[in-house]
C-alpha atoms as a PDB file:
ATOM      1  CA  MET A   1      41.312 -32.912 -13.448  1.00  0.00           C
ATOM      2  CA  LYS A   2      42.521 -36.278 -14.344  1.00  0.00           C
ATOM      3  CA  ILE A   3      40.793 -38.394 -16.381  1.00  0.00           C
ATOM      4  CA  THR A   4      41.876 -42.489 -15.402  1.00  0.00           C
ATOM      5  CA  GLY A   5      40.736 -45.685 -18.090  1.00  0.00           C
ATOM      6  CA  GLN A   6      39.935 -46.806 -20.768  1.00  0.00           C
ATOM      7  CA  LYS A   7      41.993 -45.846 -24.223  1.00  0.00           C
ATOM      8  CA  PRO A   8      39.557 -45.150 -27.137  1.00  0.00           C
ATOM      9  CA  PRO A   9      40.540 -48.324 -29.485  1.00  0.00           C
ATOM     10  CA  GLY A  10      41.727 -46.776 -33.086  1.00  0.00           C
ATOM     11  CA  LEU A  11      40.876 -46.081 -36.037  1.00  0.00           C
ATOM     12  CA  HIS A  12      40.979 -49.421 -37.603  1.00  0.00           C
ATOM     13  CA  GLU A  13      40.089 -51.568 -34.851  1.00  0.00           C
ATOM     14  CA  LEU A  14      36.222 -49.926 -34.425  1.00  0.00           C
ATOM     15  CA  ALA A  15      36.455 -50.197 -38.469  1.00  0.00           C
ATOM     16  CA  THR A  16      37.187 -53.816 -37.908  1.00  0.00           C
ATOM     17  CA  GLY A  17      35.568 -54.052 -34.372  1.00  0.00           C
ATOM     18  CA  LYS A  18      38.140 -55.810 -33.137  1.00  0.00           C
ATOM     19  CA  ALA A  19      39.284 -54.355 -30.768  1.00  0.00           C
ATOM     20  CA  GLN A  20      41.906 -56.701 -28.437  1.00  0.00           C
ATOM     21  CA  GLU A  21      41.768 -56.216 -25.121  1.00  0.00           C
ATOM     22  CA  LYS A  22      45.055 -55.800 -22.842  1.00  0.00           C
ATOM     23  CA  GLY A  23      45.763 -54.113 -19.528  1.00  0.00           C
ATOM     24  CA  ASN A  24      43.372 -51.743 -18.727  1.00  0.00           C
ATOM     25  CA  ARG A  25      42.009 -50.901 -22.131  1.00  0.00           C
ATOM     26  CA  THR A  26      38.619 -51.965 -23.500  1.00  0.00           C
ATOM     27  CA  HIS A  27      36.900 -54.178 -25.892  1.00  0.00           C
ATOM     28  CA  VAL A  28      34.465 -53.224 -28.958  1.00  0.00           C
ATOM     29  CA  GLY A  29      31.593 -54.986 -26.770  1.00  0.00           C
ATOM     30  CA  ARG A  30      31.930 -54.526 -23.757  1.00  0.00           C
ATOM     31  CA  THR A  31      28.700 -52.830 -22.087  1.00  0.00           C
ATOM     32  CA  PRO A  32      28.690 -49.749 -20.289  1.00  0.00           C
ATOM     33  CA  ALA A  33      28.679 -51.658 -16.741  1.00  0.00           C
ATOM     34  CA  GLU A  34      32.187 -53.270 -17.835  1.00  0.00           C
ATOM     35  CA  SER A  35      33.323 -49.820 -17.584  1.00  0.00           C
ATOM     36  CA  HIS A  36      36.457 -48.782 -15.688  1.00  0.00           C
ATOM     37  CA  ASP A  37      35.953 -45.619 -16.257  1.00  0.00           C
ATOM     38  CA  SER A  38      36.738 -42.767 -13.474  1.00  0.00           C
ATOM     39  CA  MET A  39      37.337 -39.175 -12.816  1.00  0.00           C
ATOM     40  CA  ALA A  40      39.218 -37.469 -10.422  1.00  0.00           C
ATOM     41  CA  VAL A  41      38.874 -33.885  -9.689  1.00  0.00           C
ATOM     42  CA  THR A  42      41.461 -32.059  -7.458  1.00  0.00           C
ATOM     43  CA  ASN A  43      41.070 -29.870  -5.565  1.00  0.00           C
ATOM     44  CA  HIS A  44      42.422 -26.557  -6.930  1.00  0.00           C
ATOM     45  CA  ALA A  45      39.885 -27.516 -10.184  1.00  0.00           C
ATOM     46  CA  SER A  46      37.417 -27.439  -7.469  1.00  0.00           C
ATOM     47  CA  GLN A  47      38.617 -24.212  -5.730  1.00  0.00           C
ATOM     48  CA  THR A  48      38.876 -22.753  -8.927  1.00  0.00           C
ATOM     49  CA  ALA A  49      35.553 -23.576 -10.147  1.00  0.00           C
ATOM     50  CA  SER A  50      34.021 -22.009  -6.447  1.00  0.00           C
ATOM     51  CA  LYS A  51      34.879 -18.579  -7.433  1.00  0.00           C
ATOM     52  CA  ILE A  52      34.230 -18.787 -10.070  1.00  0.00           C
ATOM     53  CA  LYS A  53      30.294 -19.736  -9.352  1.00  0.00           C
ATOM     54  CA  GLN A  54      30.869 -16.374  -6.783  1.00  0.00           C
ATOM     55  CA  THR A  55      32.239 -14.590  -9.481  1.00  0.00           C
ATOM     56  CA  LEU A  56      28.893 -15.096 -11.401  1.00  0.00           C
ATOM     57  CA  ARG A  57      26.703 -14.987  -8.219  1.00  0.00           C
ATOM     58  CA  ALA A  58      28.011 -11.419  -7.549  1.00  0.00           C
ATOM     59  CA  GLU A  59      27.427 -10.123 -11.423  1.00  0.00           C
ATOM     60  CA  PRO A  60      23.902  -8.177 -11.295  1.00  0.00           C
ATOM     61  CA  ASP A  61      21.216  -9.172 -13.610  1.00  0.00           C
ATOM     62  CA  ILE A  62      20.676  -6.774 -14.647  1.00  0.00           C
ATOM     63  CA  ARG A  63      23.531  -3.697 -15.729  1.00  0.00           C
ATOM     64  CA  PRO A  64      22.496  -0.349 -15.429  1.00  0.00           C
ATOM     65  CA  ASP A  65      25.238   1.120 -17.293  1.00  0.00           C
ATOM     66  CA  ARG A  66      24.235  -1.001 -20.420  1.00  0.00           C
ATOM     67  CA  VAL A  67      20.054  -0.558 -20.344  1.00  0.00           C
ATOM     68  CA  GLU A  68      21.044   3.520 -19.811  1.00  0.00           C
ATOM     69  CA  GLU A  69      23.136   2.999 -23.075  1.00  0.00           C
ATOM     70  CA  VAL A  70      20.445   1.503 -25.115  1.00  0.00           C
ATOM     71  CA  LYS A  71      17.536   3.947 -23.749  1.00  0.00           C
ATOM     72  CA  GLU A  72      19.767   7.247 -24.654  1.00  0.00           C
ATOM     73  CA  LYS A  73      20.137   5.098 -28.192  1.00  0.00           C
ATOM     74  CA  ILE A  74      15.871   4.609 -28.940  1.00  0.00           C
ATOM     75  CA  ARG A  75      15.665   8.575 -27.415  1.00  0.00           C
ATOM     76  CA  THR A  76      17.842   9.803 -30.521  1.00  0.00           C
ATOM     77  CA  GLY A  77      16.713   7.355 -32.965  1.00  0.00           C
ATOM     78  CA  LYS A  78      20.189   5.849 -33.373  1.00  0.00           C
ATOM     79  CA  TYR A  79      18.540   2.485 -31.866  1.00  0.00           C
ATOM     80  CA  ARG A  80      18.438  -0.470 -34.968  1.00  0.00           C
ATOM     81  CA  VAL A  81      16.827  -3.560 -34.515  1.00  0.00           C
ATOM     82  CA  GLU A  82      18.721  -6.270 -36.917  1.00  0.00           C
ATOM     83  CA  PRO A  83      15.892  -8.715 -37.688  1.00  0.00           C
ATOM     84  CA  GLU A  84      17.793 -11.748 -39.153  1.00  0.00           C
ATOM     85  CA  ARG A  85      19.680 -11.052 -35.559  1.00  0.00           C
ATOM     86  CA  LEU A  86      16.605 -10.593 -33.257  1.00  0.00           C
ATOM     87  CA  ALA A  87      14.645 -13.678 -35.580  1.00  0.00           C
ATOM     88  CA  GLU A  88      18.174 -16.456 -34.945  1.00  0.00           C
ATOM     89  CA  SER A  89      17.746 -15.179 -30.809  1.00  0.00           C
ATOM     90  CA  MET A  90      14.200 -15.829 -30.795  1.00  0.00           C
ATOM     91  CA  LEU A  91      14.841 -19.690 -32.423  1.00  0.00           C
ATOM     92  CA  THR A  92      17.348 -20.272 -30.559  1.00  0.00           C
ATOM     93  CA  ALA A  93      15.774 -19.622 -27.499  1.00  0.00           C
ATOM     94  CA  ALA A  94      12.133 -21.320 -28.998  1.00  0.00           C
ATOM     95  CA  LEU A  95      14.257 -24.504 -29.016  1.00  0.00           C
ATOM     96  CA  LYS A  96      16.584 -23.885 -25.906  1.00  0.00           C
ATOM     97  CA  GLU A  97      12.945 -24.353 -24.214  1.00  0.00           C
ATOM     98  CA  ASP A  98      12.055 -27.380 -26.412  1.00  0.00           C
ATOM     99  CA  LEU A  99      14.985 -28.850 -25.538  1.00  0.00           C
ATOM    100  CA  GLU A 100      14.570 -28.196 -21.971  1.00  0.00           C
ATOM    101  CA  LYS A 101      11.034 -30.133 -20.980  1.00  0.00           C
ATOM    102  CA  PRO A 102      10.776 -33.228 -20.025  1.00  0.00           C
END
C-alpha cells in the first residue's frame, strides 16, 4: 500500500497555528476539499486481501470440536462460568450493537 500527499505539520507548527505551505504540504487552515491526498493499493496487496477473505469464508461458523469439548465439560461438571468475563462480553456486545444503530 502506498500513501502519498500531505506531510503532517510539526508539533510547533500545530501549537502556533503557523504551518507554512511548502510544495505539496498542507496548511493548517486548509479544508479537506483542498487536500490532495491519495492512496494506491498495489496489485500484491489486493491479491493478499482476496486470499485472506477466501480463507475466512472457508472457515465454518461453528467449530464442532470446540462444541464437543464444552459439552463434555458441562456433562462432567468441569465447566465454570467466569462472571466478570461474561459481564464484559455482554456489555461489549450491547455497546457494539448500540453503536451500529443508524
